[in-house]
C-alpha atoms as a PDB file:
ATOM      1  CA  MET A   1     -13.182 -10.696  30.889  1.00  0.00           C
ATOM      2  CA  PRO A   2     -11.731 -12.081  27.470  1.00  0.00           C
ATOM      3  CA  SER A   3     -11.814 -10.053  24.393  1.00  0.00           C
ATOM      4  CA  PRO A   4     -14.691 -11.209  22.060  1.00  0.00           C
ATOM      5  CA  ILE A   5     -12.294 -10.632  19.109  1.00  0.00           C
ATOM      6  CA  PRO A   6      -9.438 -12.796  18.920  1.00  0.00           C
ATOM      7  CA  ALA A   7      -6.186 -10.990  18.260  1.00  0.00           C
ATOM      8  CA  SER A   8      -5.291 -12.941  15.223  1.00  0.00           C
ATOM      9  CA  THR A   9      -8.633 -11.636  13.459  1.00  0.00           C
ATOM     10  CA  ILE A  10      -7.224  -7.960  13.874  1.00  0.00           C
ATOM     11  CA  ALA A  11      -3.509  -8.674  13.180  1.00  0.00           C
ATOM     12  CA  GLY A  12      -4.408 -10.686  10.030  1.00  0.00           C
ATOM     13  CA  PRO A  13      -1.717 -12.346   7.828  1.00  0.00           C
ATOM     14  CA  ALA A  14       1.045 -10.049   9.335  1.00  0.00           C
ATOM     15  CA  ALA A  15       1.000 -12.327  12.376  1.00  0.00           C
ATOM     16  CA  ALA A  16       0.886 -15.433  10.541  1.00  0.00           C
ATOM     17  CA  TRP A  17       3.737 -14.738   8.209  1.00  0.00           C
ATOM     18  CA  ARG A  18       6.996 -14.009   9.508  1.00  0.00           C
ATOM     19  CA  LEU A  19       9.098 -12.403   6.538  1.00  0.00           C
ATOM     20  CA  PRO A  20      12.899 -11.871   6.855  1.00  0.00           C
ATOM     21  CA  PRO A  21      13.615  -8.217   7.339  1.00  0.00           C
ATOM     22  CA  ALA A  22      15.023  -7.956   3.854  1.00  0.00           C
ATOM     23  CA  VAL A  23      11.746  -9.119   2.097  1.00  0.00           C
ATOM     24  CA  ASP A  24       9.812  -7.126   4.308  1.00  0.00           C
ATOM     25  CA  GLU A  25      11.828  -3.966   3.490  1.00  0.00           C
ATOM     26  CA  LEU A  26      11.651  -4.846  -0.191  1.00  0.00           C
ATOM     27  CA  LEU A  27       7.927  -5.009  -0.321  1.00  0.00           C
ATOM     28  CA  LEU A  28       7.768  -1.810   1.602  1.00  0.00           C
ATOM     29  CA  VAL A  29      10.027  -0.047  -0.890  1.00  0.00           C
ATOM     30  CA  SER A  30       8.417  -1.541  -4.000  1.00  0.00           C
ATOM     31  CA  GLY A  31       4.965  -0.769  -2.863  1.00  0.00           C
ATOM     32  CA  ALA A  32       6.015   2.878  -2.173  1.00  0.00           C
ATOM     33  CA  SER A  33       7.592   3.249  -5.466  1.00  0.00           C
ATOM     34  CA  ILE A  34       4.798   2.061  -7.501  1.00  0.00           C
ATOM     35  CA  ALA A  35       2.334   4.377  -5.486  1.00  0.00           C
ATOM     36  CA  GLY A  36       4.598   7.141  -6.286  1.00  0.00           C
ATOM     37  CA  VAL A  37       4.766   6.305  -9.968  1.00  0.00           C
ATOM     38  CA  LEU A  38       0.834   5.707 -10.203  1.00  0.00           C
ATOM     39  CA  ALA A  39       0.388   9.221  -8.501  1.00  0.00           C
ATOM     40  CA  VAL A  40       2.651  11.042 -10.923  1.00  0.00           C
ATOM     41  CA  ILE A  41       0.706   9.330 -13.895  1.00  0.00           C
ATOM     42  CA  ARG A  42      -2.578  10.200 -12.371  1.00  0.00           C
ATOM     43  CA  VAL A  43      -1.602  13.805 -11.807  1.00  0.00           C
ATOM     44  CA  ILE A  44      -0.399  13.970 -15.442  1.00  0.00           C
ATOM     45  CA  HIS A  45      -3.588  12.388 -16.805  1.00  0.00           C
ATOM     46  CA  VAL A  46      -5.889  14.848 -14.906  1.00  0.00           C
ATOM     47  CA  LEU A  47      -3.853  17.847 -16.055  1.00  0.00           C
ATOM     48  CA  ARG A  48      -3.868  16.946 -19.637  1.00  0.00           C
ATOM     49  CA  ARG A  49      -7.611  16.248 -19.337  1.00  0.00           C
ATOM     50  CA  HIS A  50      -8.036  19.784 -17.873  1.00  0.00           C
ATOM     51  CA  ARG A  51      -5.936  21.260 -20.528  1.00  0.00           C
ATOM     52  CA  HIS A  52      -7.907  19.711 -23.268  1.00  0.00           C
ATOM     53  CA  ARG A  53     -11.442  20.976 -21.915  1.00  0.00           C
ATOM     54  CA  ARG A  54     -10.293  24.645 -22.135  1.00  0.00           C
END
């Protein structure tokens, strides 16, 4: 019995776009770097707000 959901629906754009390994790695590293910077900014913001409430 075939699956009611096509595999392309689950895989999404990753199956449609075959990026070169260098581009794939660049996107991974830049995304992780941006996420890390945003996390640090958020922690600093929360700590400053907590300090001002006291």
